[in-house]
Amino acid sequence: PEVMRGINAFALGAQSVNPGVQVRVVWTKTWYDPAKEKEAAKSLLDVGADVIAQHQDSPAPQEAAQERGVYSIGYNSDMSSFAPKSHLVAPIWNWGPFYKEVVEQVRAGSWKSQSTWHGLEKGIVDLSPMSSMVPKDAQEKVLKTKTAISSGKFLVFTGPIKDQSGKVRIDKGVVPPDKELLGMNWFVQGVVGTTE
C-alpha cells in the first residue's frame, strides 16, 4: 500500500498538469538493486516512456534515463549528480527531525507509541532543488502546491478519484481516513500496470 499510494500521488500530480498522462508501472520489488532497477527503467524506455520516475533508492533509473536522453525524477534523495542532464527533481526524506523529537521525548519520559504522519510541515519530506531544465512557471506551480500541502490547504487524495476501471473510489470532496489510505491496494485511473 505504501508504494501504491506513492504511485497514485505521483499520477494525480502528473494528471494535474497533463490530464491525459499515463503512468506505467514495472515492479522490481527492491529498494536498492541498481542493476535490476536500471533494467526496469530501460523496459519502460523501450515502450516510449519520456520521463522515468521511481520508488527506489538507487540512482540507476536516473542513469538509464540520461543514457537515453529523457527526463528523470529521483526518489528519497537528491540524485542530480548521477544524471545531471536528465534529473528534474526528487522527493527527499530527512528523518533527522523526527528522530530528534523522539529522542527528546524518551529522555523526558513522555514518549508514547503512536502513528506519526509528519511530512512537509516538519521537514521530514521535501523536494530536492529543481533542475534548470524545469521551466520557471512549472517551478512556481510546484512550490505553490508544496506550500498548500504543507499548510494543510491541499490534500492530494481529495475526491473525486477513480480507479483504473473508472469506478469512483473516493467521492467528490471526500478525504479518506488514514485507515483507507494505509490499505490502498488499487491504482488510480491513468496508471497502467497491475498491483502485483
C-alpha atoms as a PDB file:
ATOM      1  CA  PRO A   1       0.000   0.000   0.000  1.00  0.00           C
ATOM      2  CA  GLU A   2       2.787   2.496   0.727  1.00  0.00           C
ATOM      3  CA  VAL A   3       4.234   2.159  -2.763  1.00  0.00           C
ATOM      4  CA  MET A   4       0.792   2.149  -4.430  1.00  0.00           C
ATOM      5  CA  ARG A   5      -0.093   5.322  -2.535  1.00  0.00           C
ATOM      6  CA  GLY A   6       3.148   6.906  -3.765  1.00  0.00           C
ATOM      7  CA  ILE A   7       2.484   5.882  -7.368  1.00  0.00           C
ATOM      8  CA  ASN A   8      -1.095   7.160  -7.108  1.00  0.00           C
ATOM      9  CA  ALA A   9       0.033  10.502  -5.641  1.00  0.00           C
ATOM     10  CA  PHE A  10       2.606  10.838  -8.440  1.00  0.00           C
ATOM     11  CA  ALA A  11      -0.035  10.015 -11.072  1.00  0.00           C
ATOM     12  CA  LEU A  12      -2.516  12.526  -9.632  1.00  0.00           C
ATOM     13  CA  GLY A  13       0.193  15.202  -9.639  1.00  0.00           C
ATOM     14  CA  ALA A  14       1.161  14.453 -13.230  1.00  0.00           C
ATOM     15  CA  GLN A  15      -2.505  14.487 -14.261  1.00  0.00           C
ATOM     16  CA  SER A  16      -2.957  17.915 -12.666  1.00  0.00           C
ATOM     17  CA  VAL A  17      -0.748  19.362 -15.411  1.00  0.00           C
ATOM     18  CA  ASN A  18      -1.464  16.826 -18.170  1.00  0.00           C
ATOM     19  CA  PRO A  19      -4.857  15.096 -17.734  1.00  0.00           C
ATOM     20  CA  GLY A  20      -4.039  12.518 -20.412  1.00  0.00           C
ATOM     21  CA  VAL A  21      -0.747  11.359 -18.929  1.00  0.00           C
ATOM     22  CA  GLN A  22      -0.226   7.653 -18.332  1.00  0.00           C
ATOM     23  CA  VAL A  23       1.950   6.315 -15.544  1.00  0.00           C
ATOM     24  CA  ARG A  24       3.290   2.845 -16.341  1.00  0.00           C
ATOM     25  CA  VAL A  25       4.342   0.566 -13.504  1.00  0.00           C
ATOM     26  CA  VAL A  26       7.096  -2.030 -13.594  1.00  0.00           C
ATOM     27  CA  TRP A  27       7.611  -3.799 -10.280  1.00  0.00           C
ATOM     28  CA  THR A  28      11.169  -4.674  -9.227  1.00  0.00           C
ATOM     29  CA  LYS A  29      10.242  -5.451  -5.601  1.00  0.00           C
ATOM     30  CA  THR A  30      13.509  -3.886  -4.487  1.00  0.00           C
ATOM     31  CA  TRP A  31      14.629  -0.833  -2.560  1.00  0.00           C
ATOM     32  CA  TYR A  32      18.226  -0.921  -3.741  1.00  0.00           C
ATOM     33  CA  ASP A  33      19.249  -3.194  -6.609  1.00  0.00           C
ATOM     34  CA  PRO A  34      20.833  -0.899  -9.196  1.00  0.00           C
ATOM     35  CA  ALA A  35      21.174  -3.479 -11.978  1.00  0.00           C
ATOM     36  CA  LYS A  36      17.572  -4.667 -11.718  1.00  0.00           C
ATOM     37  CA  GLU A  37      16.221  -1.126 -11.346  1.00  0.00           C
ATOM     38  CA  LYS A  38      18.156   0.087 -14.400  1.00  0.00           C
ATOM     39  CA  GLU A  39      16.768  -2.778 -16.489  1.00  0.00           C
ATOM     40  CA  ALA A  40      13.232  -1.931 -15.333  1.00  0.00           C
ATOM     41  CA  ALA A  41      13.765   1.679 -16.407  1.00  0.00           C
ATOM     42  CA  LYS A  42      15.085   0.518 -19.776  1.00  0.00           C
ATOM     43  CA  SER A  43      11.979  -1.635 -20.270  1.00  0.00           C
ATOM     44  CA  LEU A  44       9.844   1.487 -19.846  1.00  0.00           C
ATOM     45  CA  LEU A  45      12.073   3.478 -22.171  1.00  0.00           C
ATOM     46  CA  ASP A  46      11.775   0.707 -24.763  1.00  0.00           C
ATOM     47  CA  VAL A  47       7.994   1.255 -24.904  1.00  0.00           C
ATOM     48  CA  GLY A  48       8.293   5.029 -25.247  1.00  0.00           C
ATOM     49  CA  ALA A  49       8.423   6.485 -21.731  1.00  0.00           C
ATOM     50  CA  ASP A  50       9.547  10.105 -21.867  1.00  0.00           C
ATOM     51  CA  VAL A  51      10.056  10.544 -18.110  1.00  0.00           C
ATOM     52  CA  ILE A  52      11.387   7.936 -15.696  1.00  0.00           C
ATOM     53  CA  ALA A  53      10.293   8.093 -12.064  1.00  0.00           C
ATOM     54  CA  GLN A  54      10.958   5.575  -9.340  1.00  0.00           C
ATOM     55  CA  HIS A  55      10.140   4.418  -5.846  1.00  0.00           C
ATOM     56  CA  GLN A  56      13.598   3.021  -5.042  1.00  0.00           C
ATOM     57  CA  ASP A  57      16.757   4.411  -3.536  1.00  0.00           C
ATOM     58  CA  SER A  58      19.361   3.739  -6.232  1.00  0.00           C
ATOM     59  CA  PRO A  59      20.185   6.259  -8.958  1.00  0.00           C
ATOM     60  CA  ALA A  60      20.232   3.547 -11.651  1.00  0.00           C
ATOM     61  CA  PRO A  61      16.866   4.571 -13.207  1.00  0.00           C
ATOM     62  CA  GLN A  62      18.200   8.133 -13.414  1.00  0.00           C
ATOM     63  CA  GLU A  63      21.276   6.898 -15.226  1.00  0.00           C
ATOM     64  CA  ALA A  64      19.165   4.864 -17.682  1.00  0.00           C
ATOM     65  CA  ALA A  65      17.079   7.948 -18.447  1.00  0.00           C
ATOM     66  CA  GLN A  66      20.143  10.095 -19.054  1.00  0.00           C
ATOM     67  CA  GLU A  67      21.676   7.450 -21.335  1.00  0.00           C
ATOM     68  CA  ARG A  68      18.510   7.579 -23.477  1.00  0.00           C
ATOM     69  CA  GLY A  69      18.143  11.367 -23.391  1.00  0.00           C
ATOM     70  CA  VAL A  70      14.886  11.549 -21.393  1.00  0.00           C
ATOM     71  CA  TYR A  71      13.975  13.222 -18.119  1.00  0.00           C
ATOM     72  CA  SER A  72      14.002  11.567 -14.719  1.00  0.00           C
ATOM     73  CA  ILE A  73      12.583  12.130 -11.248  1.00  0.00           C
ATOM     74  CA  GLY A  74      14.513  10.649  -8.359  1.00  0.00           C
ATOM     75  CA  TYR A  75      13.357   9.324  -5.021  1.00  0.00           C
ATOM     76  CA  ASN A  76      14.407   9.619  -1.388  1.00  0.00           C
ATOM     77  CA  SER A  77      17.449  11.835  -2.007  1.00  0.00           C
ATOM     78  CA  ASP A  78      18.848  14.402  -4.420  1.00  0.00           C
ATOM     79  CA  MET A  79      20.106  12.205  -7.267  1.00  0.00           C
ATOM     80  CA  SER A  80      21.030  15.059  -9.606  1.00  0.00           C
ATOM     81  CA  SER A  81      24.770  14.318  -9.508  1.00  0.00           C
ATOM     82  CA  PHE A  82      24.140  10.859 -11.015  1.00  0.00           C
ATOM     83  CA  ALA A  83      22.188  12.155 -14.034  1.00  0.00           C
ATOM     84  CA  PRO A  84      22.702  15.921 -14.324  1.00  0.00           C
ATOM     85  CA  LYS A  85      21.414  16.046 -17.907  1.00  0.00           C
ATOM     86  CA  SER A  86      18.233  14.157 -17.008  1.00  0.00           C
ATOM     87  CA  HIS A  87      17.283  14.713 -13.359  1.00  0.00           C
ATOM     88  CA  LEU A  88      14.440  17.205 -12.834  1.00  0.00           C
ATOM     89  CA  VAL A  89      13.686  16.884  -9.096  1.00  0.00           C
ATOM     90  CA  ALA A  90      13.196  14.314  -6.349  1.00  0.00           C
ATOM     91  CA  PRO A  91      11.178  13.998  -3.192  1.00  0.00           C
ATOM     92  CA  ILE A  92      13.657  13.703  -0.347  1.00  0.00           C
ATOM     93  CA  TRP A  93      13.260  12.252   3.108  1.00  0.00           C
ATOM     94  CA  ASN A  94      15.043  13.562   6.188  1.00  0.00           C
ATOM     95  CA  TRP A  95      14.173  11.543   9.271  1.00  0.00           C
ATOM     96  CA  GLY A  96      16.580  13.563  11.451  1.00  0.00           C
ATOM     97  CA  PRO A  97      13.942  15.964  12.894  1.00  0.00           C
ATOM     98  CA  PHE A  98      11.650  13.041  13.742  1.00  0.00           C
ATOM     99  CA  TYR A  99      14.428  11.048  15.426  1.00  0.00           C
ATOM    100  CA  LYS A 100      15.435  14.140  17.406  1.00  0.00           C
ATOM    101  CA  GLU A 101      11.816  14.659  18.538  1.00  0.00           C
ATOM    102  CA  VAL A 102      11.505  11.005  19.636  1.00  0.00           C
ATOM    103  CA  VAL A 103      14.837  11.017  21.488  1.00  0.00           C
ATOM    104  CA  GLU A 104      13.834  14.201  23.323  1.00  0.00           C
ATOM    105  CA  GLN A 105      10.515  12.581  24.306  1.00  0.00           C
ATOM    106  CA  VAL A 106      12.287   9.423  25.504  1.00  0.00           C
ATOM    107  CA  ARG A 107      14.713  11.499  27.599  1.00  0.00           C
ATOM    108  CA  ALA A 108      11.807  13.459  29.094  1.00  0.00           C
ATOM    109  CA  GLY A 109       9.860  10.254  29.788  1.00  0.00           C
ATOM    110  CA  SER A 110       6.930  11.437  27.654  1.00  0.00           C
ATOM    111  CA  TRP A 111       7.307   9.187  24.596  1.00  0.00           C
ATOM    112  CA  LYS A 112       4.289   7.053  23.703  1.00  0.00           C
ATOM    113  CA  SER A 113       3.911   4.516  20.922  1.00  0.00           C
ATOM    114  CA  GLN A 114       1.742   6.074  18.208  1.00  0.00           C
ATOM    115  CA  SER A 115       1.299   6.568  14.497  1.00  0.00           C
ATOM    116  CA  THR A 116       3.047   9.683  13.248  1.00  0.00           C
ATOM    117  CA  TRP A 117       2.270  11.464   9.977  1.00  0.00           C
ATOM    118  CA  HIS A 118       4.872  14.199   9.738  1.00  0.00           C
ATOM    119  CA  GLY A 119       5.691  15.469   6.275  1.00  0.00           C
ATOM    120  CA  LEU A 120       6.457  18.779   4.621  1.00  0.00           C
ATOM    121  CA  GLU A 121       5.291  20.795   7.608  1.00  0.00           C
ATOM    122  CA  LYS A 122       8.010  19.272   9.850  1.00  0.00           C
ATOM    123  CA  GLY A 123      10.761  18.988   7.246  1.00  0.00           C
ATOM    124  CA  ILE A 124      10.628  15.188   7.089  1.00  0.00           C
ATOM    125  CA  VAL A 125       9.617  15.327   3.412  1.00  0.00           C
ATOM    126  CA  ASP A 126      10.865  17.961   0.996  1.00  0.00           C
ATOM    127  CA  LEU A 127      11.936  18.408  -2.602  1.00  0.00           C
ATOM    128  CA  SER A 128      15.451  18.469  -3.945  1.00  0.00           C
ATOM    129  CA  PRO A 129      16.413  21.614  -5.826  1.00  0.00           C
ATOM    130  CA  MET A 130      14.726  21.663  -9.214  1.00  0.00           C
ATOM    131  CA  SER A 131      16.864  21.460 -12.311  1.00  0.00           C
ATOM    132  CA  SER A 132      17.218  24.457 -14.606  1.00  0.00           C
ATOM    133  CA  MET A 133      15.520  22.199 -17.181  1.00  0.00           C
ATOM    134  CA  VAL A 134      12.250  22.713 -15.276  1.00  0.00           C
ATOM    135  CA  PRO A 135      10.584  25.857 -16.686  1.00  0.00           C
ATOM    136  CA  LYS A 136      10.221  28.722 -14.202  1.00  0.00           C
ATOM    137  CA  ASP A 137       6.404  28.700 -14.421  1.00  0.00           C
ATOM    138  CA  ALA A 138       6.376  24.975 -13.598  1.00  0.00           C
ATOM    139  CA  GLN A 139       8.751  25.545 -10.681  1.00  0.00           C
ATOM    140  CA  GLU A 140       6.451  28.265  -9.346  1.00  0.00           C
ATOM    141  CA  LYS A 141       3.421  25.961  -9.608  1.00  0.00           C
ATOM    142  CA  VAL A 142       5.270  23.171  -7.801  1.00  0.00           C
ATOM    143  CA  LEU A 143       6.364  25.480  -4.989  1.00  0.00           C
ATOM    144  CA  LYS A 144       2.844  26.916  -4.651  1.00  0.00           C
ATOM    145  CA  THR A 145       1.382  23.398  -4.384  1.00  0.00           C
ATOM    146  CA  LYS A 146       4.120  22.383  -1.935  1.00  0.00           C
ATOM    147  CA  THR A 147       3.145  25.330   0.303  1.00  0.00           C
ATOM    148  CA  ALA A 148      -0.548  24.368   0.072  1.00  0.00           C
ATOM    149  CA  ILE A 149       0.236  20.760   1.027  1.00  0.00           C
ATOM    150  CA  SER A 150       2.490  21.864   3.890  1.00  0.00           C
ATOM    151  CA  SER A 151      -0.167  24.184   5.310  1.00  0.00           C
ATOM    152  CA  GLY A 152      -2.893  21.553   5.015  1.00  0.00           C
ATOM    153  CA  LYS A 153      -4.856  23.576   2.449  1.00  0.00           C
ATOM    154  CA  PHE A 154      -4.356  20.931  -0.241  1.00  0.00           C
ATOM    155  CA  LEU A 155      -4.787  17.205   0.373  1.00  0.00           C
ATOM    156  CA  VAL A 156      -3.661  15.036  -2.537  1.00  0.00           C
ATOM    157  CA  PHE A 157      -6.263  12.312  -2.031  1.00  0.00           C
ATOM    158  CA  THR A 158      -9.350  14.519  -2.057  1.00  0.00           C
ATOM    159  CA  GLY A 159     -12.085  13.050  -4.284  1.00  0.00           C
ATOM    160  CA  PRO A 160     -13.340  12.515  -6.793  1.00  0.00           C
ATOM    161  CA  ILE A 161     -10.747   9.857  -7.519  1.00  0.00           C
ATOM    162  CA  LYS A 162     -11.391   6.927  -9.834  1.00  0.00           C
ATOM    163  CA  ASP A 163      -9.567   3.636 -10.017  1.00  0.00           C
ATOM    164  CA  GLN A 164      -8.152   2.051 -13.180  1.00  0.00           C
ATOM    165  CA  SER A 165     -11.551   0.703 -14.191  1.00  0.00           C
ATOM    166  CA  GLY A 166     -13.168   4.148 -13.920  1.00  0.00           C
ATOM    167  CA  LYS A 167     -15.036   3.351 -10.703  1.00  0.00           C
ATOM    168  CA  VAL A 168     -15.174   6.239  -8.233  1.00  0.00           C
ATOM    169  CA  ARG A 169     -13.220   5.103  -5.164  1.00  0.00           C
ATOM    170  CA  ILE A 170     -13.183   8.424  -3.329  1.00  0.00           C
ATOM    171  CA  ASP A 171     -16.283  10.577  -3.711  1.00  0.00           C
ATOM    172  CA  LYS A 172     -16.145  14.247  -4.643  1.00  0.00           C
ATOM    173  CA  GLY A 173     -14.894  16.391  -1.774  1.00  0.00           C
ATOM    174  CA  VAL A 174     -14.147  13.399   0.463  1.00  0.00           C
ATOM    175  CA  VAL A 175     -10.755  12.938   2.109  1.00  0.00           C
ATOM    176  CA  PRO A 176     -10.344   9.276   3.060  1.00  0.00           C
ATOM    177  CA  PRO A 177      -9.380   8.444   6.639  1.00  0.00           C
ATOM    178  CA  ASP A 178      -5.895   7.136   7.404  1.00  0.00           C
ATOM    179  CA  LYS A 179      -7.192   3.557   7.602  1.00  0.00           C
ATOM    180  CA  GLU A 180      -8.242   3.689   3.933  1.00  0.00           C
ATOM    181  CA  LEU A 181      -5.015   5.341   2.814  1.00  0.00           C
ATOM    182  CA  LEU A 182      -2.947   2.798   4.761  1.00  0.00           C
ATOM    183  CA  GLY A 183      -4.802  -0.025   2.995  1.00  0.00           C
ATOM    184  CA  MET A 184      -4.734   1.462  -0.507  1.00  0.00           C
ATOM    185  CA  ASN A 185      -4.394  -1.579  -2.759  1.00  0.00           C
ATOM    186  CA  TRP A 186      -5.587  -0.112  -6.058  1.00  0.00           C
ATOM    187  CA  PHE A 187      -4.281   2.279  -8.690  1.00  0.00           C
ATOM    188  CA  VAL A 188      -5.910   5.500  -9.830  1.00  0.00           C
ATOM    189  CA  GLN A 189      -7.201   5.994 -13.348  1.00  0.00           C
ATOM    190  CA  GLY A 190      -4.315   6.638 -15.716  1.00  0.00           C
ATOM    191  CA  VAL A 191      -1.935   4.148 -14.100  1.00  0.00           C
ATOM    192  CA  VAL A 192      -1.066   1.275 -16.433  1.00  0.00           C
ATOM    193  CA  GLY A 193       0.029  -1.880 -14.675  1.00  0.00           C
ATOM    194  CA  THR A 194      -1.067  -4.348 -12.054  1.00  0.00           C
ATOM    195  CA  THR A 195      -0.817  -4.101  -8.307  1.00  0.00           C
ATOM    196  CA  GLU A 196       1.459  -7.144  -8.155  1.00  0.00           C
END
